[in-house]
Amino acid sequence: MIWDNKLLAEALGIEIDFEFKAKGFYFNSKEVRAGDVFIALKGENGDGHLYIESALHNGASVVIAEKNDLNDPRIVVVENTLDALYKMAHFKRSNVKATYIGVTGSVGKTSTKEMLASYFSAYGKTTKTEGNFNNDLGVPITLSRMPMDATYAIIEMGMSSKGEIEKLTKIVNPKICIVTNVEAVHLEFFDSVEGIADAKSEIFMGTDESRIAVINIDNQYAPRLISNAKKYGVKNIKTFGKSKEADIKLKSCGIIDSHTFVKVLYGENEYEYQIPVVGEHQAYNSMVCILAASSLSLNPSAGISTLKDMEIAKGRGEIFASQIDGKRITIVNEAYNASPAAVKAVLMAYGQKFAQSRKIAVLGDMKELGESAQNFHANLADDIYQSGIDLVVCVGDMMKNLYNNLEENYRFGYFINIDEMMNSDILKKINDGDVLIFKGSNSMRLYKMADSLKLSS
């Protein structure tokens, strides 16, 4: 159970004169099932009040709204539904006695969150951010959905501008504060990467006196993050990486099939394990789990055993077989999002994994890179040459800069958008045994083609 009439009444400071027990909490009426709570939020893309009748038809036990035009007793009226959502989130944060683990960073937030959720399930009931609900709307929704008996809460915290992480930190107040890395992402909204590091450091601004900072010591902005953590009063700082100064050290990692085999050293203990995602960058993400658990005096071994079965988030490393005109190919769907660092990591990882196959990277525009966007795209050419990728398809206005900068023998095609590519005859040029790797910002919708090829497999 996540809400009943007594809990909701206390959270909102109102009276509710009917009983209910809800297992679900939604703002999309299509997701509502019998017994769930529906909240009618207003936003740029629509007004949830238009879908109250649909939510009730789907079985909502209670609707939180700003008006009751239907005169239905299941509708609880509040002055402002967004304020109500935040009240519910604060209530859950105050009353669910879980250990809260916050995750931010320029790259790897979601993969790290999924690993942490799998890992901590070995120690108790664990709840996590679903999908990419990591902003000022998604985080309070995540908190409001927490079961009352949760033991661990893994909360992903995203941002695109200064002050956003601070706002989320005030709600979540995490005990474990993780920054996976700092890279050139969201530069459209910042003057420098140092500014991004400072914005990510807002995760350290909580009030838990025993909070712990977890930082990638190999990242070039680690000294700034560590300095900021100390400035905000964090007394316990843990680090991970290859550096001899790291608290947990990556000794080796290798790719076999669709898994990465990892060996790390933590104190005097060496741990070996596997994760069902590919690349050294994923090995870095996995070290966070051991460090977080150990910081809470948990035996790392129990959690390590869960990592091999962790859930792979859609568009973040899915690998599947497909066929085109009888030709067998492999699809890698990394199309959820992209930045220069993320694209490089993916190219290097799959260049190694599929060393014996012809590899075709389908790359879409990387968004929010500011004035240097053209250079960031063009400079991917060097990463491609080093990675072992054989051919490149460029999709989008900005990727034209990469296409023009590539040596001619690497150019496999250029398209203004994914629809143009899907309507072309480029797939006729695919050979049996080829590997297609899709990577780009989500708004480029490269996932459309990856998904269509999955359906045809």
Protein backbone atom coordinates (compact mmCIF):
# COMPACT_ATOMS: atom_id res chain seq x y z
CA MET A 1 0.00 0.00 0.00
CA ILE A 2 1.20 3.51 -0.79
CA TRP A 3 -1.81 5.61 0.31
CA ASP A 4 -4.99 5.23 2.32
CA ASN A 5 -7.57 7.79 3.39
CA LYS A 6 -5.86 8.53 6.73
CA LEU A 7 -2.40 9.02 5.22
CA LEU A 8 -3.65 11.21 2.39
CA ALA A 9 -5.78 13.32 4.73
CA GLU A 10 -2.77 13.91 6.97
CA ALA A 11 -0.49 14.71 4.03
CA LEU A 12 -2.89 17.27 2.55
CA GLY A 13 -4.22 18.63 5.83
CA ILE A 14 -7.85 17.97 4.89
CA GLU A 15 -10.68 15.64 5.86
CA ILE A 16 -11.51 12.60 3.72
CA ASP A 17 -14.76 10.95 4.78
CA PHE A 18 -14.47 7.68 2.83
CA GLU A 19 -12.07 4.78 3.13
CA PHE A 20 -9.66 3.49 0.50
CA LYS A 21 -6.32 1.72 0.20
CA ALA A 22 -4.29 2.42 -2.92
CA LYS A 23 -1.37 0.56 -4.49
CA GLY A 24 -0.80 3.03 -7.33
CA PHE A 25 -0.48 6.79 -7.82
CA TYR A 26 -0.70 8.35 -11.29
CA PHE A 27 -1.11 11.62 -13.15
CA ASN A 28 -1.83 9.84 -16.46
CA SER A 29 -5.40 8.52 -16.49
CA LYS A 30 -4.44 5.77 -18.97
CA GLU A 31 -2.23 4.17 -16.32
CA VAL A 32 -4.89 4.15 -13.60
CA ARG A 33 -6.19 0.78 -12.46
CA ALA A 34 -8.76 -0.26 -9.88
CA GLY A 35 -8.03 1.28 -6.48
CA ASP A 36 -5.36 3.76 -7.61
CA VAL A 37 -5.01 7.45 -6.77
CA PHE A 38 -5.18 9.92 -9.68
CA ILE A 39 -3.95 13.51 -9.40
CA ALA A 40 -5.12 16.06 -11.97
CA LEU A 41 -2.02 18.12 -12.69
CA LYS A 42 -1.92 21.13 -14.98
CA GLY A 43 1.02 21.65 -17.31
CA GLU A 44 2.22 22.96 -20.64
CA ASN A 45 1.09 19.78 -22.38
CA GLY A 46 -2.39 19.54 -20.92
CA ASP A 47 -4.76 19.69 -17.98
CA GLY A 48 -5.37 16.52 -16.00
CA HIS A 49 -8.82 17.78 -15.04
CA LEU A 50 -9.94 16.88 -18.57
CA TYR A 51 -9.24 13.22 -17.79
CA ILE A 52 -10.86 12.84 -14.38
CA GLU A 53 -13.84 10.99 -15.80
CA SER A 54 -11.48 8.60 -17.61
CA ALA A 55 -9.52 7.96 -14.40
CA LEU A 56 -12.72 7.20 -12.50
CA HIS A 57 -13.89 4.93 -15.30
CA ASN A 58 -10.59 3.03 -15.02
CA GLY A 59 -11.24 2.44 -11.34
CA ALA A 60 -9.55 5.27 -9.43
CA SER A 61 -10.51 5.07 -5.76
CA VAL A 62 -9.77 8.76 -5.26
CA VAL A 63 -9.03 11.75 -7.49
CA ILE A 64 -7.13 14.82 -6.28
CA ALA A 65 -8.35 17.87 -8.21
CA GLU A 66 -8.96 21.60 -7.98
CA LYS A 67 -12.68 21.27 -8.72
CA ASN A 68 -15.45 18.67 -8.67
CA ASP A 69 -17.62 19.39 -11.69
CA LEU A 70 -18.82 15.78 -11.68
CA ASN A 71 -20.04 16.06 -8.09
CA ASP A 72 -18.43 12.69 -7.45
CA PRO A 73 -17.66 11.81 -3.79
CA ARG A 74 -14.36 10.21 -4.83
CA ILE A 75 -12.96 13.59 -5.91
CA VAL A 76 -10.93 15.34 -3.20
CA VAL A 77 -10.71 19.08 -3.88
CA VAL A 78 -7.53 21.03 -3.12
CA GLU A 79 -6.55 24.60 -3.94
CA ASN A 80 -3.60 23.63 -6.15
CA THR A 81 -2.78 20.10 -7.28
CA LEU A 82 0.93 20.78 -7.81
CA ASP A 83 1.18 22.05 -4.23
CA ALA A 84 -0.71 18.94 -3.15
CA LEU A 85 1.82 16.75 -4.94
CA TYR A 86 4.68 18.42 -3.09
CA LYS A 87 2.85 18.02 0.23
CA MET A 88 2.45 14.31 -0.50
CA ALA A 89 6.14 14.01 -1.39
CA HIS A 90 7.26 15.79 1.79
CA PHE A 91 4.91 13.61 3.84
CA LYS A 92 6.38 10.43 2.39
CA ARG A 93 9.94 11.67 2.87
CA SER A 94 9.20 12.43 6.52
CA ASN A 95 7.29 9.24 7.28
CA VAL A 96 8.91 6.51 5.18
CA LYS A 97 11.94 5.58 7.25
CA ALA A 98 14.05 4.40 4.34
CA THR A 99 17.68 5.15 3.56
CA TYR A 100 17.62 7.68 0.73
CA ILE A 101 20.27 7.44 -1.99
CA GLY A 102 20.47 10.32 -4.47
CA VAL A 103 22.14 9.92 -7.87
CA THR A 104 23.16 12.70 -10.23
CA GLY A 105 25.87 13.23 -12.84
CA SER A 106 26.29 14.23 -16.46
CA VAL A 107 26.40 10.66 -17.75
CA GLY A 108 25.31 7.33 -16.30
CA LYS A 109 22.63 8.42 -13.82
CA THR A 110 19.97 6.00 -14.98
CA SER A 111 22.27 2.99 -15.40
CA THR A 112 23.70 3.62 -11.94
CA LYS A 113 20.19 3.98 -10.51
CA GLU A 114 19.17 0.64 -12.00
CA MET A 115 22.28 -1.04 -10.60
CA LEU A 116 21.68 0.43 -7.16
CA ALA A 117 18.04 -0.68 -7.19
CA SER A 118 19.03 -4.23 -8.07
CA TYR A 119 21.90 -4.21 -5.58
CA PHE A 120 19.98 -2.90 -2.58
CA SER A 121 17.07 -5.28 -3.17
CA ALA A 122 19.33 -7.87 -1.53
CA TYR A 123 19.11 -5.95 1.75
CA GLY A 124 15.48 -4.87 1.92
CA LYS A 125 12.47 -3.51 0.09
CA THR A 126 13.82 -1.04 -2.45
CA THR A 127 11.99 1.61 -4.44
CA LYS A 128 13.46 3.63 -7.29
CA THR A 129 12.85 6.39 -9.80
CA GLU A 130 10.90 4.94 -12.70
CA GLY A 131 12.03 5.83 -16.21
CA ASN A 132 13.45 9.34 -16.36
CA PHE A 133 11.29 10.87 -13.60
CA ASN A 134 14.26 12.85 -12.33
CA ASN A 135 13.12 16.50 -12.45
CA ASP A 136 11.07 18.82 -10.24
CA LEU A 137 7.91 16.94 -11.21
CA GLY A 138 9.29 13.42 -11.46
CA VAL A 139 11.05 13.39 -8.09
CA PRO A 140 7.96 14.34 -6.01
CA ILE A 141 5.96 11.78 -8.00
CA THR A 142 8.60 9.15 -7.20
CA LEU A 143 8.50 10.00 -3.50
CA SER A 144 4.69 10.02 -3.48
CA ARG A 145 4.69 6.51 -4.96
CA MET A 146 6.91 5.04 -2.25
CA PRO A 147 5.43 2.19 -0.22
CA MET A 148 5.30 2.99 3.47
CA ASP A 149 7.51 0.01 4.32
CA ALA A 150 10.36 0.77 1.89
CA THR A 151 13.85 0.17 3.29
CA TYR A 152 15.87 1.87 0.54
CA ALA A 153 14.92 4.61 -1.93
CA ILE A 154 17.07 5.18 -5.02
CA ILE A 155 16.27 8.64 -6.37
CA GLU A 156 17.68 9.89 -9.67
CA MET A 157 18.14 13.67 -9.74
CA GLY A 158 18.55 15.47 -13.06
CA MET A 159 19.01 19.09 -14.03
CA SER A 160 19.55 21.45 -16.92
CA SER A 161 20.26 24.64 -14.98
CA LYS A 162 21.65 25.97 -11.72
CA GLY A 163 19.47 25.55 -8.64
CA GLU A 164 17.46 22.56 -9.87
CA ILE A 165 19.46 19.94 -7.94
CA GLU A 166 19.31 22.15 -4.84
CA LYS A 167 15.51 22.15 -5.06
CA LEU A 168 15.42 18.36 -5.39
CA THR A 169 17.93 17.92 -2.56
CA LYS A 170 15.64 19.88 -0.24
CA ILE A 171 12.91 17.33 -0.96
CA VAL A 172 14.98 14.13 -0.96
CA ASN A 173 17.70 15.03 1.58
CA PRO A 174 19.72 11.92 0.63
CA LYS A 175 22.04 10.16 3.02
CA ILE A 176 24.18 8.87 0.15
CA CYS A 177 24.93 11.61 -2.42
CA ILE A 178 26.36 10.20 -5.65
CA VAL A 179 27.86 12.16 -8.55
CA THR A 180 28.75 9.73 -11.34
CA ASN A 181 30.80 12.30 -13.29
CA VAL A 182 30.79 15.81 -14.74
CA GLU A 183 30.99 16.30 -18.51
CA ALA A 184 30.13 18.80 -21.23
CA VAL A 185 26.35 18.39 -21.04
CA HIS A 186 23.73 21.18 -20.85
CA LEU A 187 26.34 23.75 -21.88
CA GLU A 188 23.52 25.63 -23.57
CA PHE A 189 22.52 26.69 -20.04
CA PHE A 190 25.99 27.11 -18.47
CA ASP A 191 29.03 29.26 -19.15
CA SER A 192 31.46 26.42 -18.41
CA VAL A 193 31.76 22.79 -17.35
CA GLU A 194 32.95 24.10 -13.97
CA GLY A 195 29.50 25.64 -13.63
CA ILE A 196 27.97 22.24 -14.31
CA ALA A 197 30.18 20.73 -11.58
CA ASP A 198 28.95 23.36 -9.13
CA ALA A 199 25.32 22.69 -10.08
CA LYS A 200 25.79 18.93 -9.63
CA SER A 201 27.40 19.63 -6.25
CA GLU A 202 24.06 20.93 -4.99
CA ILE A 203 23.27 17.30 -4.16
CA PHE A 204 25.62 17.75 -1.18
CA MET A 205 23.44 20.54 0.28
CA GLY A 206 21.30 18.27 2.45
CA THR A 207 20.84 18.47 6.20
CA ASP A 208 21.64 14.88 7.22
CA GLU A 209 24.73 15.30 9.41
CA SER A 210 25.92 11.79 8.53
CA ARG A 211 25.47 12.14 4.76
CA ILE A 212 28.10 10.58 2.52
CA ALA A 213 29.42 11.92 -0.79
CA VAL A 214 30.39 9.38 -3.47
CA ILE A 215 32.56 10.83 -6.25
CA ASN A 216 34.36 9.53 -9.35
CA ILE A 217 37.96 10.43 -8.53
CA ASP A 218 39.13 9.85 -12.12
CA ASN A 219 36.86 12.59 -13.43
CA GLN A 220 38.79 15.80 -14.06
CA TYR A 221 36.30 17.78 -11.98
CA ALA A 222 36.62 15.52 -8.92
CA PRO A 223 38.74 18.07 -6.97
CA ARG A 224 36.02 20.68 -7.48
CA LEU A 225 33.30 18.25 -6.40
CA ILE A 226 35.26 17.22 -3.31
CA SER A 227 35.90 20.86 -2.42
CA ASN A 228 32.21 21.68 -2.84
CA ALA A 229 31.16 18.70 -0.73
CA LYS A 230 33.40 19.90 2.09
CA LYS A 231 32.09 23.45 1.68
CA TYR A 232 28.54 22.16 2.16
CA GLY A 233 29.53 20.34 5.34
CA VAL A 234 29.91 16.76 4.12
CA LYS A 235 32.37 15.03 6.44
CA ASN A 236 32.43 11.58 4.84
CA ILE A 237 33.65 11.53 1.22
CA LYS A 238 34.18 8.26 -0.66
CA THR A 239 35.73 7.90 -4.10
CA PHE A 240 35.81 5.31 -6.88
CA GLY A 241 37.97 4.88 -9.98
CA LYS A 242 41.29 3.52 -11.22
CA SER A 243 43.39 5.99 -9.25
CA LYS A 244 45.48 4.59 -6.42
CA GLU A 245 43.81 7.22 -4.23
CA ALA A 246 40.32 5.80 -4.85
CA ASP A 247 38.57 4.07 -1.96
CA ILE A 248 37.37 1.39 -4.36
CA LYS A 249 39.64 0.66 -7.32
CA LEU A 250 38.81 -0.81 -10.71
CA LYS A 251 41.45 -3.46 -11.32
CA SER A 252 40.15 -4.84 -14.60
CA CYS A 253 37.10 -5.27 -16.77
CA GLY A 254 36.51 -7.34 -19.88
CA ILE A 255 33.62 -7.95 -22.23
CA ILE A 256 32.31 -11.44 -22.93
CA ASP A 257 29.11 -11.78 -24.96
CA SER A 258 26.76 -9.08 -23.63
CA HIS A 259 28.30 -8.87 -20.17
CA THR A 260 31.15 -6.95 -18.60
CA PHE A 261 33.26 -8.90 -16.13
CA VAL A 262 34.59 -6.64 -13.40
CA LYS A 263 37.30 -6.97 -10.77
CA VAL A 264 37.59 -4.34 -8.04
CA LEU A 265 39.64 -3.85 -4.89
CA TYR A 266 37.98 -2.36 -1.82
CA GLY A 267 40.23 -2.17 1.20
CA GLU A 268 41.83 -5.59 1.48
CA ASN A 269 38.96 -7.35 -0.28
CA GLU A 270 38.83 -8.16 -3.98
CA TYR A 271 35.47 -8.68 -5.66
CA GLU A 272 34.75 -10.21 -9.06
CA TYR A 273 31.33 -10.01 -10.68
CA GLN A 274 29.49 -9.49 -13.95
CA ILE A 275 26.96 -6.96 -15.17
CA PRO A 276 24.63 -7.45 -18.19
CA VAL A 277 25.73 -4.21 -19.88
CA VAL A 278 28.82 -3.44 -21.91
CA GLY A 279 31.75 -1.14 -21.27
CA GLU A 280 34.23 0.24 -18.78
CA HIS A 281 31.90 3.15 -18.07
CA GLN A 282 29.35 0.63 -16.79
CA ALA A 283 32.01 -0.96 -14.58
CA TYR A 284 32.53 2.48 -13.03
CA ASN A 285 28.80 2.75 -12.37
CA SER A 286 28.78 -0.64 -10.65
CA MET A 287 31.52 0.34 -8.19
CA VAL A 288 29.16 2.94 -6.75
CA CYS A 289 26.94 0.13 -5.44
CA ILE A 290 29.70 -1.51 -3.41
CA LEU A 291 30.85 1.82 -2.05
CA ALA A 292 27.32 2.87 -1.05
CA ALA A 293 26.53 -0.43 0.65
CA SER A 294 29.83 -0.54 2.52
CA SER A 295 29.31 3.03 3.68
CA LEU A 296 26.09 1.79 5.31
CA SER A 297 27.95 -1.12 6.98
CA LEU A 298 26.35 -3.69 4.69
CA ASN A 299 28.22 -6.76 3.45
CA PRO A 300 28.83 -6.08 -0.27
CA SER A 301 28.67 -9.73 -1.32
CA ALA A 302 24.89 -10.10 -1.07
CA GLY A 303 24.28 -7.15 -3.36
CA ILE A 304 26.98 -8.14 -5.84
CA SER A 305 25.14 -11.37 -6.59
CA THR A 306 22.13 -9.39 -7.89
CA LEU A 307 23.99 -7.29 -10.48
CA LYS A 308 24.12 -9.98 -13.15
CA ASP A 309 20.32 -9.87 -13.35
CA MET A 310 19.82 -6.11 -13.15
CA GLU A 311 17.16 -4.48 -15.30
CA ILE A 312 18.45 -2.75 -18.44
CA ALA A 313 16.66 0.54 -19.02
CA LYS A 314 15.16 0.97 -22.49
CA GLY A 315 17.54 2.68 -24.89
CA ARG A 316 20.53 2.23 -22.61
CA GLY A 317 22.32 -0.84 -23.84
CA GLU A 318 19.68 -3.19 -25.22
CA ILE A 319 21.23 -5.72 -27.59
CA PHE A 320 19.09 -7.93 -29.80
CA ALA A 321 19.22 -9.90 -33.02
CA SER A 322 17.22 -8.92 -36.09
CA GLN A 323 16.87 -9.78 -39.76
CA ILE A 324 16.71 -7.66 -42.89
CA ASP A 325 15.85 -9.47 -46.11
CA GLY A 326 17.15 -12.69 -44.61
CA LYS A 327 20.39 -11.10 -43.41
CA ARG A 328 21.09 -11.58 -39.72
CA ILE A 329 22.21 -8.45 -37.92
CA THR A 330 22.68 -7.22 -34.36
CA ILE A 331 21.05 -4.06 -33.01
CA VAL A 332 22.41 -2.03 -30.11
CA ASN A 333 19.88 0.46 -28.77
CA GLU A 334 21.69 3.25 -26.91
CA ALA A 335 19.33 5.85 -28.33
CA TYR A 336 17.88 7.31 -25.15
CA ASN A 337 20.33 10.20 -24.81
CA ALA A 338 23.74 11.44 -25.89
CA SER A 339 26.64 13.70 -24.98
CA PRO A 340 30.24 13.74 -26.25
CA ALA A 341 31.45 11.64 -23.32
CA ALA A 342 28.56 9.18 -23.58
CA VAL A 343 28.99 8.72 -27.33
CA LYS A 344 32.71 8.08 -26.91
CA ALA A 345 32.09 5.53 -24.14
CA VAL A 346 29.53 3.66 -26.24
CA LEU A 347 31.70 3.62 -29.37
CA MET A 348 34.70 2.31 -27.43
CA ALA A 349 32.66 -0.35 -25.63
CA TYR A 350 30.94 -1.79 -28.69
CA GLY A 351 33.99 -1.38 -30.87
CA GLN A 352 35.68 -3.79 -28.47
CA LYS A 353 32.74 -6.13 -28.00
CA PHE A 354 32.06 -6.58 -31.73
CA ALA A 355 35.69 -6.45 -32.84
CA GLN A 356 35.19 -9.20 -35.42
CA SER A 357 32.06 -7.71 -37.03
CA ARG A 358 31.40 -4.76 -39.31
CA LYS A 359 30.08 -2.03 -37.02
CA ILE A 360 27.85 0.79 -38.24
CA ALA A 361 27.20 3.64 -35.82
CA VAL A 362 23.95 5.53 -36.38
CA LEU A 363 24.55 8.83 -34.58
CA GLY A 364 21.97 11.55 -33.95
CA ASP A 365 22.43 15.13 -32.78
CA MET A 366 23.64 15.74 -29.23
CA LYS A 367 21.45 18.48 -27.77
CA GLU A 368 22.08 21.36 -25.34
CA LEU A 369 25.79 21.81 -26.11
CA GLY A 370 25.65 25.57 -26.55
CA GLU A 371 27.97 27.63 -28.73
CA SER A 372 30.50 24.81 -29.12
CA ALA A 373 27.94 22.32 -30.44
CA GLN A 374 29.36 22.24 -33.98
CA ASN A 375 32.87 21.48 -32.71
CA PHE A 376 31.65 18.80 -30.28
CA HIS A 377 29.94 17.00 -33.16
CA ALA A 378 32.82 17.36 -35.61
CA ASN A 379 35.36 16.18 -33.03
CA LEU A 380 33.61 12.83 -32.63
CA ALA A 381 35.57 11.78 -35.72
CA ASP A 382 38.68 11.08 -33.64
CA ASP A 383 36.67 8.91 -31.22
CA ILE A 384 35.28 6.95 -34.15
CA TYR A 385 38.74 6.29 -35.58
CA GLN A 386 40.01 5.08 -32.20
CA SER A 387 36.99 2.91 -31.40
CA GLY A 388 37.11 0.44 -34.25
CA ILE A 389 33.76 1.56 -35.68
CA ASP A 390 33.77 0.86 -39.42
CA LEU A 391 31.02 3.07 -40.83
CA VAL A 392 28.86 5.97 -39.66
CA VAL A 393 25.36 7.18 -40.46
CA CYS A 394 24.79 10.78 -39.34
CA VAL A 395 21.29 12.01 -38.50
CA GLY A 396 20.40 15.66 -37.83
CA ASP A 397 21.55 19.20 -38.54
CA MET A 398 24.46 19.13 -36.09
CA MET A 399 25.66 15.70 -37.17
CA LYS A 400 26.33 17.19 -40.60
CA ASN A 401 29.46 18.64 -38.95
CA LEU A 402 30.66 15.15 -38.11
CA TYR A 403 29.75 13.81 -41.54
CA ASN A 404 31.78 16.53 -43.25
CA ASN A 405 34.73 15.91 -40.91
CA LEU A 406 34.83 12.15 -41.41
CA GLU A 407 37.22 10.49 -43.79
CA GLU A 408 35.23 9.45 -46.83
CA ASN A 409 35.62 5.71 -46.25
CA TYR A 410 33.74 6.06 -42.93
CA ARG A 411 30.68 7.77 -44.43
CA PHE A 412 27.72 5.43 -44.81
CA GLY A 413 24.97 8.03 -45.07
CA TYR A 414 23.56 11.35 -43.92
CA PHE A 415 19.91 12.14 -43.17
CA ILE A 416 18.19 15.22 -41.83
CA ASN A 417 16.05 13.11 -39.46
CA ILE A 418 15.28 9.50 -38.59
CA ASP A 419 12.11 9.44 -40.71
CA GLU A 420 14.15 10.24 -43.81
CA MET A 421 16.53 7.42 -42.93
CA MET A 422 13.69 4.95 -42.35
CA ASN A 423 12.18 5.84 -45.74
CA SER A 424 15.50 5.41 -47.54
CA ASP A 425 17.04 2.28 -49.04
CA ILE A 426 20.06 2.33 -46.72
CA LEU A 427 19.15 -1.00 -45.12
CA LYS A 428 19.70 -2.65 -48.49
CA LYS A 429 23.40 -1.88 -48.02
CA ILE A 430 23.52 -3.85 -44.77
CA ASN A 431 25.51 -7.09 -44.86
CA ASP A 432 24.87 -10.34 -43.05
CA GLY A 433 26.52 -10.15 -39.63
CA ASP A 434 26.58 -6.34 -39.38
CA VAL A 435 26.11 -4.55 -36.06
CA LEU A 436 24.03 -1.33 -35.96
CA ILE A 437 24.65 0.91 -32.96
CA PHE A 438 22.08 3.67 -32.36
CA LYS A 439 23.12 6.67 -30.23
CA GLY A 440 21.68 10.18 -30.06
CA SER A 441 19.67 12.58 -27.95
CA ASN A 442 16.18 11.30 -27.23
CA SER A 443 14.53 14.07 -29.23
CA MET A 444 16.23 12.71 -32.37
CA ARG A 445 14.00 9.63 -32.02
CA LEU A 446 16.57 7.13 -33.24
CA TYR A 447 14.72 4.65 -31.04
CA LYS A 448 11.99 4.56 -33.72
CA MET A 449 14.26 2.71 -36.11
CA ALA A 450 15.80 0.54 -33.39
CA ASP A 451 12.31 -0.45 -32.21
CA SER A 452 11.12 -1.16 -35.75
CA LEU A 453 14.07 -3.48 -36.31
CA LYS A 454 13.31 -5.23 -33.04
CA LEU A 455 9.76 -5.87 -34.20
CA SER A 456 11.04 -7.37 -37.43
CA SER A 457 13.40 -9.75 -35.66
